[in-house]
Amino acid sequence: MTELDVHPTDMIRAAGAVVWRGTESAPEVALVHRPKYDDWTFPKGKLKPGEHVIAGALREVAEETGITALLGRSLPPIHYLKGKRLKRVDYWAARVVSGDRYTAVDEVDEVVWLPVKEARRRLTYEWDAGLLRALTAVPLETTPLILVRHGLAGSRQDWEGDDDERPLDEAGAMQAEVLADVLSGYHPTDLISSPSRRCVQTLEPYAERFGLEIRCERLLSETHYDPRACLRLVTKAMASDRPTVICSHGKVLPELIAGVSDRPGDVQLRKGAFMVLHHAAGRIVGMDRYLT
C-alpha cells in the first residue's frame, strides 16, 4: 500500500504491471487473454491476505505470463466496482528480464507481445488504454534509487547503551523480511547503510538472499550526519545508473529527498517505509512512496 493512500477496509486490492520489452523508441507490451471474460488486458490479480502490493504485482505477472520483470515507475491505479465493492488495481511499468515458456493457467490462455499502437487497439477496456498513455508519457528506461528508513527498533528511551547498537524489534524484523520481497522487484545491486545496527539489519534479509554486501557509511548515521557529503553520495549513486538502496534515519532522509528533488524537506518516511526515486539521464522522472 502506498503510504499516502487511505482506503476503505472492504476495498478489493489487486496489482499488476504493464510489461514491456524492446527499445525505448519501439517497445512491445505483453497482453493476456482471459477466456472467462473473453477480454484482452494486462496481467494482474488479487492480493493474497497480508501480501505487499509490490510482491503481489510481481507474483501475478509471473503466474499469468511466465515473465520475470523488473519494476519501474508506478502507473495510475484503476478503480471500478466489482459487484457492490470498490476494487483498486495498482500497476507498474515493468521491463522484462526473462520469459520462461508460457504455460496456460485457468485465468489466462494466451499471451501476446504487441507494439503499443496495436496493443491499444487490442485492449478491451478503455482504462487499460490510459495505462499505455501513462507508460509512454515519460522515459521507459529508468534506474531506481531506493531510500529506506530503518524498521521498528523499540523505544530509544528504554534502550541502555550506545543507540547505534539498538537492534530491530520483532515487528522491525518482519518489516525487513517484507522489504526483501519488495526490493527483489527492483533488484538493487548497491546496498549502502548507516552503520547503526537497526539500519544494517533492515537490509540484511535482502543482502543475504542475493549474496550482496552492505557498505556502511558513517555520514548516513544520526551522530555523524553530514548533509553536503550525503547529498554528494546520493548524487553519485544516481550518476552510476546502478540500482541502489540507501538505508538511514528519519532525521537524515527528509533532507536527502529535498536535495535531489523538488519535494520539501519535511517529507517524512515512517519506520520501515521507503521511497523509490526513478531517474533517467540525470533527472528524476518518478517518485513512489510505500509502507512495508
C-alpha atoms as a PDB file:
ATOM      1  CA  MET A   1       0.000   0.000   0.000  1.00  0.00           C
ATOM      2  CA  THR A   2       1.337   3.407  -0.815  1.00  0.00           C
ATOM      3  CA  GLU A   3       1.999   5.474   2.281  1.00  0.00           C
ATOM      4  CA  LEU A   4      -0.029   8.440   1.106  1.00  0.00           C
ATOM      5  CA  ASP A   5      -3.192   6.487   0.317  1.00  0.00           C
ATOM      6  CA  VAL A   6      -6.095   5.720   2.652  1.00  0.00           C
ATOM      7  CA  HIS A   7      -8.595   3.098   1.512  1.00  0.00           C
ATOM      8  CA  PRO A   8     -11.804   1.604   2.868  1.00  0.00           C
ATOM      9  CA  THR A   9     -11.172  -1.652   4.688  1.00  0.00           C
ATOM     10  CA  ASP A  10     -13.584  -3.541   2.429  1.00  0.00           C
ATOM     11  CA  MET A  11     -11.875  -2.459  -0.794  1.00  0.00           C
ATOM     12  CA  ILE A  12     -10.688  -5.284  -3.041  1.00  0.00           C
ATOM     13  CA  ARG A  13      -6.966  -4.860  -3.698  1.00  0.00           C
ATOM     14  CA  ALA A  14      -5.224  -6.164  -6.789  1.00  0.00           C
ATOM     15  CA  ALA A  15      -1.969  -5.466  -8.599  1.00  0.00           C
ATOM     16  CA  GLY A  16      -0.329  -5.973 -11.969  1.00  0.00           C
ATOM     17  CA  ALA A  17       2.069  -4.469 -14.474  1.00  0.00           C
ATOM     18  CA  VAL A  18       2.402  -3.195 -17.994  1.00  0.00           C
ATOM     19  CA  VAL A  19       5.382  -5.324 -19.013  1.00  0.00           C
ATOM     20  CA  TRP A  20       7.453  -4.112 -21.927  1.00  0.00           C
ATOM     21  CA  ARG A  21      10.415  -5.305 -23.969  1.00  0.00           C
ATOM     22  CA  GLY A  22      12.457  -3.980 -26.882  1.00  0.00           C
ATOM     23  CA  THR A  23      13.714  -0.438 -27.190  1.00  0.00           C
ATOM     24  CA  GLU A  24      12.652   2.897 -25.785  1.00  0.00           C
ATOM     25  CA  SER A  25      11.625   4.070 -29.263  1.00  0.00           C
ATOM     26  CA  ALA A  26       9.772   0.894 -30.289  1.00  0.00           C
ATOM     27  CA  PRO A  27       8.567  -1.036 -27.240  1.00  0.00           C
ATOM     28  CA  GLU A  28       6.261  -4.017 -27.221  1.00  0.00           C
ATOM     29  CA  VAL A  29       3.915  -4.771 -24.313  1.00  0.00           C
ATOM     30  CA  ALA A  30       2.528  -8.061 -23.032  1.00  0.00           C
ATOM     31  CA  LEU A  31      -1.248  -8.626 -23.162  1.00  0.00           C
ATOM     32  CA  VAL A  32      -3.119 -11.597 -21.753  1.00  0.00           C
ATOM     33  CA  HIS A  33      -6.376 -13.149 -22.922  1.00  0.00           C
ATOM     34  CA  ARG A  34      -8.795 -14.313 -20.230  1.00  0.00           C
ATOM     35  CA  PRO A  35     -11.236 -16.926 -21.570  1.00  0.00           C
ATOM     36  CA  LYS A  36     -13.691 -16.419 -18.702  1.00  0.00           C
ATOM     37  CA  TYR A  37     -14.312 -12.833 -19.823  1.00  0.00           C
ATOM     38  CA  ASP A  38     -13.075 -13.161 -23.417  1.00  0.00           C
ATOM     39  CA  ASP A  39     -11.057  -9.970 -22.950  1.00  0.00           C
ATOM     40  CA  TRP A  40      -7.548  -8.677 -23.581  1.00  0.00           C
ATOM     41  CA  THR A  41      -5.870  -6.880 -20.716  1.00  0.00           C
ATOM     42  CA  PHE A  42      -2.626  -6.604 -18.727  1.00  0.00           C
ATOM     43  CA  PRO A  43      -1.522  -9.269 -16.239  1.00  0.00           C
ATOM     44  CA  LYS A  44      -2.964  -8.618 -12.810  1.00  0.00           C
ATOM     45  CA  GLY A  45      -4.752 -10.304  -9.928  1.00  0.00           C
ATOM     46  CA  LYS A  46      -5.989 -10.047  -6.361  1.00  0.00           C
ATOM     47  CA  LEU A  47      -3.555  -9.759  -3.487  1.00  0.00           C
ATOM     48  CA  LYS A  48      -3.242 -12.632  -1.056  1.00  0.00           C
ATOM     49  CA  PRO A  49      -4.038 -11.844   2.605  1.00  0.00           C
ATOM     50  CA  GLY A  50      -1.167  -9.829   4.066  1.00  0.00           C
ATOM     51  CA  GLU A  51       0.699  -9.668   0.756  1.00  0.00           C
ATOM     52  CA  HIS A  52       2.530  -6.455  -0.111  1.00  0.00           C
ATOM     53  CA  VAL A  53       1.117  -4.823  -3.218  1.00  0.00           C
ATOM     54  CA  ILE A  54       4.502  -4.874  -4.993  1.00  0.00           C
ATOM     55  CA  ALA A  55       5.071  -8.544  -4.215  1.00  0.00           C
ATOM     56  CA  GLY A  56       1.554  -9.239  -5.472  1.00  0.00           C
ATOM     57  CA  ALA A  57       2.209  -7.492  -8.774  1.00  0.00           C
ATOM     58  CA  LEU A  58       5.399  -9.499  -9.349  1.00  0.00           C
ATOM     59  CA  ARG A  59       3.694 -12.768  -8.456  1.00  0.00           C
ATOM     60  CA  GLU A  60       0.719 -12.162 -10.733  1.00  0.00           C
ATOM     61  CA  VAL A  61       2.926 -11.276 -13.699  1.00  0.00           C
ATOM     62  CA  ALA A  62       4.976 -14.438 -13.195  1.00  0.00           C
ATOM     63  CA  GLU A  63       1.916 -16.668 -12.737  1.00  0.00           C
ATOM     64  CA  GLU A  64      -0.037 -15.343 -15.717  1.00  0.00           C
ATOM     65  CA  THR A  65       2.804 -14.896 -18.215  1.00  0.00           C
ATOM     66  CA  GLY A  66       5.891 -16.802 -17.007  1.00  0.00           C
ATOM     67  CA  ILE A  67       7.775 -13.493 -17.157  1.00  0.00           C
ATOM     68  CA  THR A  68      10.292 -12.266 -14.616  1.00  0.00           C
ATOM     69  CA  ALA A  69      10.236  -8.469 -14.656  1.00  0.00           C
ATOM     70  CA  LEU A  70      11.922  -5.517 -13.005  1.00  0.00           C
ATOM     71  CA  LEU A  71       9.653  -2.742 -11.824  1.00  0.00           C
ATOM     72  CA  GLY A  72       9.890   0.846 -12.947  1.00  0.00           C
ATOM     73  CA  ARG A  73       7.560   3.755 -12.234  1.00  0.00           C
ATOM     74  CA  SER A  74       4.151   3.245 -10.723  1.00  0.00           C
ATOM     75  CA  LEU A  75       1.275   3.913 -13.106  1.00  0.00           C
ATOM     76  CA  PRO A  76      -2.113   5.442 -12.210  1.00  0.00           C
ATOM     77  CA  PRO A  77      -4.234   2.956 -10.252  1.00  0.00           C
ATOM     78  CA  ILE A  78      -7.519   1.761 -11.718  1.00  0.00           C
ATOM     79  CA  HIS A  79     -10.744   1.864  -9.680  1.00  0.00           C
ATOM     80  CA  TYR A  80     -14.004   0.162 -10.583  1.00  0.00           C
ATOM     81  CA  LEU A  81     -16.924  -1.599  -8.920  1.00  0.00           C
ATOM     82  CA  LYS A  82     -16.831  -5.380  -8.524  1.00  0.00           C
ATOM     83  CA  GLY A  83     -20.425  -6.124  -7.622  1.00  0.00           C
ATOM     84  CA  LYS A  84     -21.093  -3.650  -4.819  1.00  0.00           C
ATOM     85  CA  ARG A  85     -17.466  -3.362  -3.691  1.00  0.00           C
ATOM     86  CA  LEU A  86     -14.866  -0.922  -4.932  1.00  0.00           C
ATOM     87  CA  LYS A  87     -11.814  -2.560  -6.468  1.00  0.00           C
ATOM     88  CA  ARG A  88      -8.417  -0.904  -6.817  1.00  0.00           C
ATOM     89  CA  VAL A  89      -5.726  -2.269  -9.113  1.00  0.00           C
ATOM     90  CA  ASP A  90      -2.214  -0.842  -8.735  1.00  0.00           C
ATOM     91  CA  TYR A  91       0.063  -1.027 -11.771  1.00  0.00           C
ATOM     92  CA  TRP A  92       3.734  -0.528 -12.559  1.00  0.00           C
ATOM     93  CA  ALA A  93       5.758  -0.191 -15.691  1.00  0.00           C
ATOM     94  CA  ALA A  94       7.941  -3.298 -15.776  1.00  0.00           C
ATOM     95  CA  ARG A  95      10.790  -4.334 -18.054  1.00  0.00           C
ATOM     96  CA  VAL A  96      11.095  -7.987 -18.965  1.00  0.00           C
ATOM     97  CA  VAL A  97      14.216  -9.715 -17.632  1.00  0.00           C
ATOM     98  CA  SER A  98      13.436 -13.276 -18.647  1.00  0.00           C
ATOM     99  CA  GLY A  99      10.442 -15.097 -20.025  1.00  0.00           C
ATOM    100  CA  ASP A 100      10.125 -18.787 -19.358  1.00  0.00           C
ATOM    101  CA  ARG A 101       7.950 -20.763 -21.719  1.00  0.00           C
ATOM    102  CA  TYR A 102       4.371 -19.725 -21.059  1.00  0.00           C
ATOM    103  CA  THR A 103       2.125 -22.392 -19.568  1.00  0.00           C
ATOM    104  CA  ALA A 104      -1.608 -21.730 -19.758  1.00  0.00           C
ATOM    105  CA  VAL A 105      -3.408 -21.282 -16.445  1.00  0.00           C
ATOM    106  CA  ASP A 106      -7.111 -21.208 -15.691  1.00  0.00           C
ATOM    107  CA  GLU A 107      -7.319 -17.423 -15.858  1.00  0.00           C
ATOM    108  CA  VAL A 108      -5.167 -16.905 -18.974  1.00  0.00           C
ATOM    109  CA  ASP A 109      -4.993 -18.982 -22.150  1.00  0.00           C
ATOM    110  CA  GLU A 110      -2.845 -16.734 -24.363  1.00  0.00           C
ATOM    111  CA  VAL A 111      -0.080 -14.152 -24.010  1.00  0.00           C
ATOM    112  CA  VAL A 112       0.922 -11.887 -26.903  1.00  0.00           C
ATOM    113  CA  TRP A 113       3.547  -9.184 -27.414  1.00  0.00           C
ATOM    114  CA  LEU A 114       2.329  -6.212 -29.417  1.00  0.00           C
ATOM    115  CA  PRO A 115       3.631  -2.748 -30.368  1.00  0.00           C
ATOM    116  CA  VAL A 116       1.966  -0.004 -28.366  1.00  0.00           C
ATOM    117  CA  LYS A 117      -0.386   1.171 -31.123  1.00  0.00           C
ATOM    118  CA  GLU A 118      -1.560  -2.335 -31.915  1.00  0.00           C
ATOM    119  CA  ALA A 119      -1.930  -3.141 -28.219  1.00  0.00           C
ATOM    120  CA  ARG A 120      -4.169  -0.098 -27.781  1.00  0.00           C
ATOM    121  CA  ARG A 121      -6.493  -1.435 -30.496  1.00  0.00           C
ATOM    122  CA  ARG A 122      -6.495  -4.943 -28.998  1.00  0.00           C
ATOM    123  CA  LEU A 123      -7.247  -3.929 -25.408  1.00  0.00           C
ATOM    124  CA  THR A 124     -10.818  -4.460 -24.271  1.00  0.00           C
ATOM    125  CA  TYR A 125     -11.050  -1.723 -21.640  1.00  0.00           C
ATOM    126  CA  GLU A 126     -10.528   1.993 -22.049  1.00  0.00           C
ATOM    127  CA  TRP A 127      -8.818   2.285 -18.678  1.00  0.00           C
ATOM    128  CA  ASP A 128      -6.091  -0.048 -19.955  1.00  0.00           C
ATOM    129  CA  ALA A 129      -5.522   2.298 -22.888  1.00  0.00           C
ATOM    130  CA  GLY A 130      -4.980   5.017 -20.290  1.00  0.00           C
ATOM    131  CA  LEU A 131      -2.223   2.924 -18.746  1.00  0.00           C
ATOM    132  CA  LEU A 132      -0.490   2.785 -22.124  1.00  0.00           C
ATOM    133  CA  ARG A 133      -0.628   6.565 -22.385  1.00  0.00           C
ATOM    134  CA  ALA A 134       0.920   6.867 -18.929  1.00  0.00           C
ATOM    135  CA  LEU A 135       3.558   4.282 -19.835  1.00  0.00           C
ATOM    136  CA  THR A 136       4.869   6.297 -22.774  1.00  0.00           C
ATOM    137  CA  ALA A 137       4.479   9.756 -21.215  1.00  0.00           C
ATOM    138  CA  VAL A 138       7.978   9.706 -19.656  1.00  0.00           C
ATOM    139  CA  PRO A 139      11.132   7.637 -20.277  1.00  0.00           C
ATOM    140  CA  LEU A 140      10.766   3.867 -20.053  1.00  0.00           C
ATOM    141  CA  GLU A 141      14.410   3.190 -19.250  1.00  0.00           C
ATOM    142  CA  THR A 142      14.773   4.282 -15.629  1.00  0.00           C
ATOM    143  CA  THR A 143      17.044   3.334 -12.738  1.00  0.00           C
ATOM    144  CA  PRO A 144      15.765   3.107  -9.153  1.00  0.00           C
ATOM    145  CA  LEU A 145      17.325   4.807  -6.152  1.00  0.00           C
ATOM    146  CA  ILE A 146      15.543   3.474  -3.073  1.00  0.00           C
ATOM    147  CA  LEU A 147      15.703   5.421   0.193  1.00  0.00           C
ATOM    148  CA  VAL A 148      14.692   3.300   3.197  1.00  0.00           C
ATOM    149  CA  ARG A 149      14.062   4.300   6.776  1.00  0.00           C
ATOM    150  CA  HIS A 150      15.090   1.514   9.139  1.00  0.00           C
ATOM    151  CA  GLY A 151      12.421  -0.713  10.623  1.00  0.00           C
ATOM    152  CA  LEU A 152      10.909  -0.531  14.085  1.00  0.00           C
ATOM    153  CA  ALA A 153      13.534  -0.830  16.813  1.00  0.00           C
ATOM    154  CA  GLY A 154      11.769  -0.440  20.126  1.00  0.00           C
ATOM    155  CA  SER A 155      11.999   2.660  22.275  1.00  0.00           C
ATOM    156  CA  ARG A 156      15.059   4.891  22.269  1.00  0.00           C
ATOM    157  CA  GLN A 157      14.282   5.827  25.872  1.00  0.00           C
ATOM    158  CA  ASP A 158      14.167   2.189  27.012  1.00  0.00           C
ATOM    159  CA  TRP A 159      17.463   1.241  25.359  1.00  0.00           C
ATOM    160  CA  GLU A 160      20.535   1.215  27.557  1.00  0.00           C
ATOM    161  CA  GLY A 161      23.854   1.772  25.885  1.00  0.00           C
ATOM    162  CA  ASP A 162      25.038   3.130  22.552  1.00  0.00           C
ATOM    163  CA  ASP A 163      21.986   3.994  20.471  1.00  0.00           C
ATOM    164  CA  ASP A 164      23.804   2.935  17.296  1.00  0.00           C
ATOM    165  CA  GLU A 165      23.689  -0.619  18.689  1.00  0.00           C
ATOM    166  CA  ARG A 166      19.900  -0.631  19.170  1.00  0.00           C
ATOM    167  CA  PRO A 167      18.520  -3.565  17.108  1.00  0.00           C
ATOM    168  CA  LEU A 168      15.291  -4.096  15.263  1.00  0.00           C
ATOM    169  CA  ASP A 169      12.471  -5.432  17.379  1.00  0.00           C
ATOM    170  CA  GLU A 170      10.212  -8.294  16.293  1.00  0.00           C
ATOM    171  CA  ALA A 171       7.985  -6.038  14.191  1.00  0.00           C
ATOM    172  CA  GLY A 172      11.031  -4.420  12.610  1.00  0.00           C
ATOM    173  CA  ALA A 173      12.468  -7.811  11.678  1.00  0.00           C
ATOM    174  CA  MET A 174       9.180  -8.629   9.938  1.00  0.00           C
ATOM    175  CA  GLN A 175       9.391  -5.329   8.055  1.00  0.00           C
ATOM    176  CA  ALA A 176      12.899  -6.248   6.910  1.00  0.00           C
ATOM    177  CA  GLU A 177      11.621  -9.569   5.517  1.00  0.00           C
ATOM    178  CA  VAL A 178       8.824  -7.799   3.621  1.00  0.00           C
ATOM    179  CA  LEU A 179      11.358  -5.293   2.312  1.00  0.00           C
ATOM    180  CA  ALA A 180      13.475  -8.150   0.948  1.00  0.00           C
ATOM    181  CA  ASP A 181      10.490  -9.378  -1.074  1.00  0.00           C
ATOM    182  CA  VAL A 182       9.779  -5.895  -2.357  1.00  0.00           C
ATOM    183  CA  LEU A 183      13.363  -4.976  -3.227  1.00  0.00           C
ATOM    184  CA  SER A 184      13.609  -8.055  -5.434  1.00  0.00           C
ATOM    185  CA  GLY A 185      11.252  -6.259  -7.812  1.00  0.00           C
ATOM    186  CA  TYR A 186      13.875  -3.542  -8.334  1.00  0.00           C
ATOM    187  CA  HIS A 187      16.938  -5.746  -7.735  1.00  0.00           C
ATOM    188  CA  PRO A 188      19.320  -3.095  -6.374  1.00  0.00           C
ATOM    189  CA  THR A 189      22.944  -4.216  -6.576  1.00  0.00           C
ATOM    190  CA  ASP A 190      24.484  -1.438  -4.453  1.00  0.00           C
ATOM    191  CA  LEU A 191      23.451  -1.544  -0.794  1.00  0.00           C
ATOM    192  CA  ILE A 192      24.512   1.420   1.356  1.00  0.00           C
ATOM    193  CA  SER A 193      23.587   1.850   5.010  1.00  0.00           C
ATOM    194  CA  SER A 194      24.146   3.874   8.097  1.00  0.00           C
ATOM    195  CA  PRO A 195      26.361   1.726  10.340  1.00  0.00           C
ATOM    196  CA  SER A 196      23.655   1.801  13.012  1.00  0.00           C
ATOM    197  CA  ARG A 197      22.679  -1.779  13.787  1.00  0.00           C
ATOM    198  CA  ARG A 198      18.965  -1.251  13.053  1.00  0.00           C
ATOM    199  CA  CYS A 199      19.750   0.124   9.580  1.00  0.00           C
ATOM    200  CA  VAL A 200      22.081  -2.717   8.635  1.00  0.00           C
ATOM    201  CA  GLN A 201      19.574  -5.273   9.906  1.00  0.00           C
ATOM    202  CA  THR A 202      16.861  -3.710   7.740  1.00  0.00           C
ATOM    203  CA  LEU A 203      18.847  -4.571   4.590  1.00  0.00           C
ATOM    204  CA  GLU A 204      20.296  -7.902   5.738  1.00  0.00           C
ATOM    205  CA  PRO A 205      17.473 -10.231   4.581  1.00  0.00           C
ATOM    206  CA  TYR A 206      17.714  -8.860   1.031  1.00  0.00           C
ATOM    207  CA  ALA A 207      21.531  -8.888   1.069  1.00  0.00           C
ATOM    208  CA  GLU A 208      21.643 -12.499   2.265  1.00  0.00           C
ATOM    209  CA  ARG A 209      19.055 -13.612  -0.284  1.00  0.00           C
ATOM    210  CA  PHE A 210      21.139 -12.348  -3.210  1.00  0.00           C
ATOM    211  CA  GLY A 211      24.644 -12.688  -1.777  1.00  0.00           C
ATOM    212  CA  LEU A 212      25.309  -8.941  -1.699  1.00  0.00           C
ATOM    213  CA  GLU A 213      27.446  -6.879   0.665  1.00  0.00           C
ATOM    214  CA  ILE A 214      26.188  -3.887   2.622  1.00  0.00           C
ATOM    215  CA  ARG A 215      28.503  -0.875   2.549  1.00  0.00           C
ATOM    216  CA  CYS A 216      28.315   1.200   5.715  1.00  0.00           C
ATOM    217  CA  GLU A 217      28.728   4.978   5.544  1.00  0.00           C
ATOM    218  CA  ARG A 218      29.151   6.870   8.836  1.00  0.00           C
ATOM    219  CA  LEU A 219      27.850  10.092   7.314  1.00  0.00           C
ATOM    220  CA  LEU A 220      24.407   8.457   6.967  1.00  0.00           C
ATOM    221  CA  SER A 221      24.152   7.928  10.733  1.00  0.00           C
ATOM    222  CA  GLU A 222      22.450  10.293  13.144  1.00  0.00           C
ATOM    223  CA  THR A 223      25.664  11.007  15.032  1.00  0.00           C
ATOM    224  CA  HIS A 224      27.907  11.671  12.010  1.00  0.00           C
ATOM    225  CA  TYR A 225      25.387  13.033   9.533  1.00  0.00           C
ATOM    226  CA  ASP A 226      26.944  15.402   7.014  1.00  0.00           C
ATOM    227  CA  PRO A 227      24.293  16.998   4.740  1.00  0.00           C
ATOM    228  CA  ARG A 228      26.646  18.010   1.921  1.00  0.00           C
ATOM    229  CA  ALA A 229      28.561  14.736   1.924  1.00  0.00           C
ATOM    230  CA  CYS A 230      25.306  12.750   1.998  1.00  0.00           C
ATOM    231  CA  LEU A 231      23.957  14.693  -0.945  1.00  0.00           C
ATOM    232  CA  ARG A 232      27.169  14.001  -2.879  1.00  0.00           C
ATOM    233  CA  LEU A 233      26.760  10.312  -2.066  1.00  0.00           C
ATOM    234  CA  VAL A 234      23.209  10.236  -3.410  1.00  0.00           C
ATOM    235  CA  THR A 235      24.123  12.259  -6.496  1.00  0.00           C
ATOM    236  CA  LYS A 236      26.969   9.853  -7.218  1.00  0.00           C
ATOM    237  CA  ALA A 237      24.620   6.887  -6.851  1.00  0.00           C
ATOM    238  CA  MET A 238      22.234   8.433  -9.377  1.00  0.00           C
ATOM    239  CA  ALA A 239      25.060   9.117 -11.814  1.00  0.00           C
ATOM    240  CA  SER A 240      26.228   5.493 -11.717  1.00  0.00           C
ATOM    241  CA  ASP A 241      22.990   4.116 -13.227  1.00  0.00           C
ATOM    242  CA  ARG A 242      23.283   1.155 -10.868  1.00  0.00           C
ATOM    243  CA  PRO A 243      20.126   0.274  -8.917  1.00  0.00           C
ATOM    244  CA  THR A 244      20.902   1.399  -5.371  1.00  0.00           C
ATOM    245  CA  VAL A 245      19.248   1.206  -1.961  1.00  0.00           C
ATOM    246  CA  ILE A 246      20.250   3.502   0.903  1.00  0.00           C
ATOM    247  CA  CYS A 247      19.061   2.877   4.465  1.00  0.00           C
ATOM    248  CA  SER A 248      19.226   5.680   7.007  1.00  0.00           C
ATOM    249  CA  HIS A 249      17.276   7.552   9.687  1.00  0.00           C
ATOM    250  CA  GLY A 250      14.227   9.771   9.989  1.00  0.00           C
ATOM    251  CA  LYS A 251      16.430  12.780  10.725  1.00  0.00           C
ATOM    252  CA  VAL A 252      18.547  12.242   7.601  1.00  0.00           C
ATOM    253  CA  LEU A 253      16.210  11.163   4.819  1.00  0.00           C
ATOM    254  CA  PRO A 254      13.930  14.240   4.501  1.00  0.00           C
ATOM    255  CA  GLU A 255      16.894  16.481   3.739  1.00  0.00           C
ATOM    256  CA  LEU A 256      18.271  13.966   1.243  1.00  0.00           C
ATOM    257  CA  ILE A 257      14.925  13.760  -0.541  1.00  0.00           C
ATOM    258  CA  ALA A 258      14.708  17.544  -0.696  1.00  0.00           C
ATOM    259  CA  GLY A 259      18.254  17.769  -2.009  1.00  0.00           C
ATOM    260  CA  VAL A 260      17.667  15.613  -5.069  1.00  0.00           C
ATOM    261  CA  SER A 261      14.056  16.517  -5.820  1.00  0.00           C
ATOM    262  CA  ASP A 262      11.549  19.339  -5.696  1.00  0.00           C
ATOM    263  CA  ARG A 263       9.920  17.859  -2.601  1.00  0.00           C
ATOM    264  CA  PRO A 264      10.088  19.948   0.591  1.00  0.00           C
ATOM    265  CA  GLY A 265      12.459  18.955   3.370  1.00  0.00           C
ATOM    266  CA  ASP A 266       9.613  17.943   5.681  1.00  0.00           C
ATOM    267  CA  VAL A 267       8.752  14.790   3.687  1.00  0.00           C
ATOM    268  CA  GLN A 268       8.792  12.045   6.289  1.00  0.00           C
ATOM    269  CA  LEU A 269       9.047   8.277   5.975  1.00  0.00           C
ATOM    270  CA  ARG A 270       7.614   6.071   8.673  1.00  0.00           C
ATOM    271  CA  LYS A 271       9.887   3.438  10.176  1.00  0.00           C
ATOM    272  CA  GLY A 272      10.244   0.654   7.664  1.00  0.00           C
ATOM    273  CA  ALA A 273       8.869   2.779   4.813  1.00  0.00           C
ATOM    274  CA  PHE A 274      10.767   3.567   1.630  1.00  0.00           C
ATOM    275  CA  MET A 275      10.742   5.911  -1.332  1.00  0.00           C
ATOM    276  CA  VAL A 276      11.760   4.949  -4.863  1.00  0.00           C
ATOM    277  CA  LEU A 277      13.285   7.713  -6.967  1.00  0.00           C
ATOM    278  CA  HIS A 278      13.193   6.713 -10.643  1.00  0.00           C
ATOM    279  CA  HIS A 279      15.839   8.569 -12.615  1.00  0.00           C
ATOM    280  CA  ALA A 280      16.918   8.721 -16.242  1.00  0.00           C
ATOM    281  CA  ALA A 281      19.595  10.807 -17.911  1.00  0.00           C
ATOM    282  CA  GLY A 282      20.428  12.537 -14.639  1.00  0.00           C
ATOM    283  CA  ARG A 283      16.902  13.631 -13.746  1.00  0.00           C
ATOM    284  CA  ILE A 284      14.134  12.202 -11.594  1.00  0.00           C
ATOM    285  CA  VAL A 285      11.099  11.116 -13.608  1.00  0.00           C
ATOM    286  CA  GLY A 286       9.069   9.468 -10.832  1.00  0.00           C
ATOM    287  CA  MET A 287       8.822   9.230  -7.046  1.00  0.00           C
ATOM    288  CA  ASP A 288       6.884   6.494  -5.262  1.00  0.00           C
ATOM    289  CA  ARG A 289       6.488   6.133  -1.506  1.00  0.00           C
ATOM    290  CA  TYR A 290       5.458   2.892   0.206  1.00  0.00           C
ATOM    291  CA  LEU A 291       4.931   1.184   3.528  1.00  0.00           C
ATOM    292  CA  THR A 292       6.250  -2.272   4.387  1.00  0.00           C
END
